[in-house]
Amino acid sequence: MSEPVRRKTRTVGPSREPWTPYIPSKSEAFAVKAVVSGKADEEQQKVFMAFFNRLSGVGDLEFRPESERASAFASGKRFVGMQLHRIANLSSEYIKTLDP
């Protein structure tokens, strides 16, 4: 299988086609691997979260004026990111009340 073609520049703001795969930098790719394997240090965790936020479009407006389908897809990506942030912001007291 061939390696994906790297874009020469990264776009600023939301992609018109939110299903287009985001090509990570070397540090982002290593950070993802470290988090998934449970071996990420503090810096890799920060790189991972910044990458995840860009990947999921948490900070973007999901509306795409060109396409209702693209808007729906972007909204789904953003929903996943928002769920991670919602859980990360739960209070410790509330988490203790959850089922094991």
N, C-alpha and C. Protein backbone atom coordinates (compact mmCIF):
# COMPACT_ATOMS: atom_id res chain seq x y z
N MET A 1 0.85 -1.17 0.00
CA MET A 1 0.00 0.00 0.00
C MET A 1 0.89 1.23 0.00
N SER A 2 0.60 2.19 -0.85
CA SER A 2 1.43 3.38 -0.96
C SER A 2 1.08 4.40 0.13
N GLU A 3 2.05 5.24 0.43
CA GLU A 3 1.87 6.29 1.43
C GLU A 3 0.96 7.37 0.87
N PRO A 4 0.14 8.03 1.72
CA PRO A 4 -0.71 9.10 1.22
C PRO A 4 0.13 10.29 0.77
N VAL A 5 -0.37 11.01 -0.18
CA VAL A 5 0.32 12.19 -0.68
C VAL A 5 0.12 13.32 0.32
N ARG A 6 1.23 13.93 0.75
CA ARG A 6 1.14 15.04 1.71
C ARG A 6 0.79 16.32 1.00
N ARG A 7 -0.08 17.09 1.60
CA ARG A 7 -0.39 18.41 1.07
C ARG A 7 0.77 19.34 1.37
N LYS A 8 1.06 20.24 0.47
CA LYS A 8 2.16 21.17 0.70
C LYS A 8 1.80 22.21 1.74
N THR A 9 0.54 22.59 1.81
CA THR A 9 0.10 23.56 2.81
C THR A 9 -1.16 23.04 3.47
N ARG A 10 -1.42 23.54 4.63
CA ARG A 10 -2.64 23.16 5.34
C ARG A 10 -3.62 24.31 5.25
N THR A 11 -4.86 23.98 5.06
CA THR A 11 -5.86 25.03 4.96
C THR A 11 -6.20 25.54 6.36
N VAL A 12 -6.60 26.78 6.40
CA VAL A 12 -7.04 27.37 7.65
C VAL A 12 -8.56 27.36 7.62
N GLY A 13 -9.15 26.91 8.70
CA GLY A 13 -10.60 26.87 8.75
C GLY A 13 -11.14 25.53 8.30
N PRO A 14 -12.45 25.40 8.33
CA PRO A 14 -13.07 24.12 8.00
C PRO A 14 -12.89 23.76 6.52
N SER A 15 -12.76 22.48 6.26
CA SER A 15 -12.63 21.97 4.90
C SER A 15 -13.99 21.98 4.22
N ARG A 16 -14.00 22.27 2.92
CA ARG A 16 -15.27 22.20 2.18
C ARG A 16 -15.80 20.78 2.17
N GLU A 17 -14.90 19.82 2.10
CA GLU A 17 -15.27 18.40 2.09
C GLU A 17 -14.75 17.77 3.37
N PRO A 18 -15.58 17.73 4.42
CA PRO A 18 -15.10 17.27 5.73
C PRO A 18 -14.70 15.81 5.78
N TRP A 19 -15.02 15.04 4.77
CA TRP A 19 -14.62 13.63 4.73
C TRP A 19 -13.22 13.43 4.18
N THR A 20 -12.59 14.50 3.70
CA THR A 20 -11.22 14.41 3.21
C THR A 20 -10.29 14.11 4.38
N PRO A 21 -9.51 13.04 4.30
CA PRO A 21 -8.63 12.69 5.42
C PRO A 21 -7.60 13.79 5.70
N TYR A 22 -7.41 14.05 6.97
CA TYR A 22 -6.39 15.01 7.40
C TYR A 22 -5.07 14.25 7.50
N ILE A 23 -4.04 14.75 6.87
CA ILE A 23 -2.74 14.09 6.91
C ILE A 23 -1.94 14.66 8.09
N PRO A 24 -1.64 13.82 9.07
CA PRO A 24 -0.96 14.33 10.26
C PRO A 24 0.52 14.63 10.01
N SER A 25 1.05 15.48 10.87
CA SER A 25 2.50 15.70 10.87
C SER A 25 3.15 14.49 11.55
N LYS A 26 4.45 14.44 11.49
CA LYS A 26 5.17 13.34 12.13
C LYS A 26 4.90 13.32 13.64
N SER A 27 4.93 14.49 14.29
CA SER A 27 4.70 14.54 15.74
C SER A 27 3.27 14.14 16.08
N GLU A 28 2.31 14.52 15.23
CA GLU A 28 0.91 14.13 15.48
C GLU A 28 0.73 12.63 15.35
N ALA A 29 1.35 12.04 14.32
CA ALA A 29 1.23 10.60 14.12
C ALA A 29 1.86 9.83 15.29
N PHE A 30 3.03 10.26 15.74
CA PHE A 30 3.66 9.60 16.88
C PHE A 30 2.84 9.79 18.16
N ALA A 31 2.24 10.95 18.31
CA ALA A 31 1.40 11.21 19.50
C ALA A 31 0.18 10.30 19.51
N VAL A 32 -0.46 10.12 18.36
CA VAL A 32 -1.62 9.22 18.28
C VAL A 32 -1.21 7.80 18.64
N LYS A 33 -0.09 7.34 18.07
CA LYS A 33 0.38 5.98 18.37
C LYS A 33 0.67 5.82 19.87
N ALA A 34 1.27 6.84 20.48
CA ALA A 34 1.60 6.76 21.90
C ALA A 34 0.35 6.74 22.77
N VAL A 35 -0.64 7.55 22.44
CA VAL A 35 -1.89 7.57 23.21
C VAL A 35 -2.61 6.23 23.08
N VAL A 36 -2.72 5.71 21.87
CA VAL A 36 -3.42 4.45 21.63
C VAL A 36 -2.74 3.29 22.36
N SER A 37 -1.41 3.32 22.44
CA SER A 37 -0.69 2.23 23.12
C SER A 37 -0.58 2.45 24.63
N GLY A 38 -1.08 3.58 25.12
CA GLY A 38 -1.04 3.87 26.55
C GLY A 38 0.32 4.31 27.06
N LYS A 39 1.17 4.83 26.18
CA LYS A 39 2.52 5.20 26.56
C LYS A 39 2.85 6.67 26.29
N ALA A 40 1.84 7.50 26.14
CA ALA A 40 2.06 8.91 25.80
C ALA A 40 2.55 9.70 27.00
N ASP A 41 3.58 10.51 26.78
CA ASP A 41 4.01 11.43 27.83
C ASP A 41 3.12 12.68 27.78
N GLU A 42 3.37 13.61 28.68
CA GLU A 42 2.51 14.79 28.79
C GLU A 42 2.47 15.60 27.48
N GLU A 43 3.62 15.80 26.86
CA GLU A 43 3.67 16.57 25.61
C GLU A 43 2.90 15.86 24.49
N GLN A 44 3.05 14.54 24.39
CA GLN A 44 2.33 13.79 23.37
C GLN A 44 0.82 13.85 23.59
N GLN A 45 0.40 13.87 24.86
CA GLN A 45 -1.02 13.99 25.15
C GLN A 45 -1.56 15.34 24.67
N LYS A 46 -0.78 16.40 24.87
CA LYS A 46 -1.19 17.73 24.41
C LYS A 46 -1.25 17.80 22.89
N VAL A 47 -0.24 17.21 22.23
CA VAL A 47 -0.23 17.18 20.76
C VAL A 47 -1.44 16.39 20.26
N PHE A 48 -1.73 15.27 20.92
CA PHE A 48 -2.88 14.46 20.52
C PHE A 48 -4.18 15.24 20.62
N MET A 49 -4.38 15.93 21.73
CA MET A 49 -5.64 16.67 21.90
C MET A 49 -5.78 17.79 20.88
N ALA A 50 -4.70 18.49 20.59
CA ALA A 50 -4.75 19.55 19.56
C ALA A 50 -5.07 18.93 18.20
N PHE A 51 -4.46 17.79 17.91
CA PHE A 51 -4.73 17.08 16.66
C PHE A 51 -6.18 16.61 16.61
N PHE A 52 -6.66 16.03 17.69
CA PHE A 52 -8.04 15.54 17.75
C PHE A 52 -9.03 16.69 17.55
N ASN A 53 -8.74 17.84 18.14
CA ASN A 53 -9.63 18.99 17.98
C ASN A 53 -9.70 19.42 16.52
N ARG A 54 -8.56 19.45 15.84
CA ARG A 54 -8.56 19.79 14.41
C ARG A 54 -9.26 18.71 13.60
N LEU A 55 -8.97 17.46 13.90
CA LEU A 55 -9.54 16.34 13.16
C LEU A 55 -11.06 16.29 13.28
N SER A 56 -11.58 16.54 14.47
CA SER A 56 -13.02 16.45 14.69
C SER A 56 -13.75 17.74 14.35
N GLY A 57 -13.03 18.84 14.20
CA GLY A 57 -13.68 20.09 13.88
C GLY A 57 -14.41 20.71 15.05
N VAL A 58 -13.98 20.41 16.26
CA VAL A 58 -14.63 20.94 17.46
C VAL A 58 -14.74 22.46 17.44
N GLY A 59 -13.73 23.13 16.95
CA GLY A 59 -13.75 24.59 16.95
C GLY A 59 -14.32 25.20 15.68
N ASP A 60 -14.80 24.36 14.76
CA ASP A 60 -15.30 24.85 13.49
C ASP A 60 -16.83 24.92 13.48
N LEU A 61 -17.34 25.76 12.63
CA LEU A 61 -18.77 25.79 12.35
C LEU A 61 -19.04 24.64 11.39
N GLU A 62 -20.00 23.80 11.69
CA GLU A 62 -20.22 22.63 10.84
C GLU A 62 -20.97 22.94 9.55
N PHE A 63 -21.60 24.11 9.46
CA PHE A 63 -22.35 24.48 8.26
C PHE A 63 -21.44 24.65 7.05
N ARG A 64 -21.78 24.00 5.95
CA ARG A 64 -21.09 24.15 4.67
C ARG A 64 -22.12 24.64 3.67
N PRO A 65 -22.03 25.88 3.21
CA PRO A 65 -23.08 26.44 2.35
C PRO A 65 -23.24 25.72 1.02
N GLU A 66 -22.21 25.02 0.56
CA GLU A 66 -22.28 24.36 -0.74
C GLU A 66 -23.08 23.06 -0.70
N SER A 67 -23.19 22.44 0.49
CA SER A 67 -23.76 21.10 0.52
C SER A 67 -24.35 20.76 1.88
N GLU A 68 -25.61 20.35 1.86
CA GLU A 68 -26.26 19.89 3.09
C GLU A 68 -25.58 18.61 3.58
N ARG A 69 -25.16 17.76 2.66
CA ARG A 69 -24.48 16.51 3.03
C ARG A 69 -23.16 16.80 3.73
N ALA A 70 -22.40 17.74 3.21
CA ALA A 70 -21.14 18.10 3.85
C ALA A 70 -21.38 18.70 5.23
N SER A 71 -22.44 19.47 5.38
CA SER A 71 -22.79 20.03 6.69
C SER A 71 -23.12 18.92 7.68
N ALA A 72 -23.89 17.94 7.23
CA ALA A 72 -24.27 16.82 8.11
C ALA A 72 -23.04 16.01 8.51
N PHE A 73 -22.15 15.76 7.57
CA PHE A 73 -20.94 15.00 7.86
C PHE A 73 -20.07 15.76 8.86
N ALA A 74 -19.89 17.05 8.64
CA ALA A 74 -19.08 17.87 9.55
C ALA A 74 -19.72 17.92 10.94
N SER A 75 -21.04 17.95 10.99
CA SER A 75 -21.74 17.96 12.27
C SER A 75 -21.50 16.66 13.04
N GLY A 76 -21.47 15.54 12.34
CA GLY A 76 -21.19 14.25 12.99
C GLY A 76 -19.78 14.19 13.55
N LYS A 77 -18.81 14.69 12.77
CA LYS A 77 -17.42 14.74 13.27
C LYS A 77 -17.33 15.60 14.51
N ARG A 78 -17.97 16.75 14.46
CA ARG A 78 -17.91 17.69 15.59
C ARG A 78 -18.58 17.09 16.82
N PHE A 79 -19.67 16.33 16.62
CA PHE A 79 -20.36 15.69 17.74
C PHE A 79 -19.43 14.76 18.50
N VAL A 80 -18.63 13.98 17.78
CA VAL A 80 -17.68 13.07 18.43
C VAL A 80 -16.70 13.86 19.29
N GLY A 81 -16.16 14.94 18.75
CA GLY A 81 -15.23 15.77 19.50
C GLY A 81 -15.87 16.39 20.73
N MET A 82 -17.12 16.84 20.58
CA MET A 82 -17.81 17.47 21.70
C MET A 82 -18.07 16.45 22.82
N GLN A 83 -18.33 15.20 22.46
CA GLN A 83 -18.54 14.17 23.49
C GLN A 83 -17.28 13.94 24.31
N LEU A 84 -16.12 13.91 23.66
CA LEU A 84 -14.87 13.74 24.39
C LEU A 84 -14.65 14.91 25.34
N HIS A 85 -14.90 16.13 24.87
CA HIS A 85 -14.73 17.30 25.74
C HIS A 85 -15.75 17.31 26.87
N ARG A 86 -16.97 16.86 26.61
CA ARG A 86 -18.00 16.80 27.66
C ARG A 86 -17.55 15.86 28.77
N ILE A 87 -17.05 14.69 28.40
CA ILE A 87 -16.60 13.71 29.40
C ILE A 87 -15.38 14.23 30.14
N ALA A 88 -14.45 14.86 29.43
CA ALA A 88 -13.24 15.39 30.06
C ALA A 88 -13.55 16.47 31.09
N ASN A 89 -14.68 17.15 30.92
CA ASN A 89 -15.05 18.24 31.83
C ASN A 89 -16.00 17.84 32.94
N LEU A 90 -16.32 16.54 33.05
CA LEU A 90 -17.17 16.09 34.16
C LEU A 90 -16.43 16.27 35.48
N SER A 91 -17.17 16.59 36.50
CA SER A 91 -16.55 16.73 37.82
C SER A 91 -16.20 15.35 38.38
N SER A 92 -15.19 15.31 39.21
CA SER A 92 -14.81 14.05 39.86
C SER A 92 -15.94 13.51 40.72
N GLU A 93 -16.67 14.41 41.36
CA GLU A 93 -17.80 13.99 42.20
C GLU A 93 -18.85 13.27 41.36
N TYR A 94 -19.15 13.80 40.19
CA TYR A 94 -20.14 13.16 39.32
C TYR A 94 -19.62 11.83 38.81
N ILE A 95 -18.38 11.75 38.42
CA ILE A 95 -17.80 10.51 37.88
C ILE A 95 -17.89 9.39 38.92
N LYS A 96 -17.71 9.73 40.20
CA LYS A 96 -17.78 8.72 41.26
C LYS A 96 -19.18 8.11 41.38
N THR A 97 -20.21 8.80 40.89
CA THR A 97 -21.58 8.28 40.97
C THR A 97 -21.92 7.34 39.81
N LEU A 98 -21.06 7.27 38.81
CA LEU A 98 -21.34 6.45 37.63
C LEU A 98 -21.12 4.96 37.95
N ASP A 99 -21.78 4.12 37.18
CA ASP A 99 -21.58 2.67 37.33
C ASP A 99 -20.13 2.33 36.97
N PRO A 100 -19.60 1.26 37.61
CA PRO A 100 -18.21 0.87 37.34
C PRO A 100 -17.94 0.51 35.90
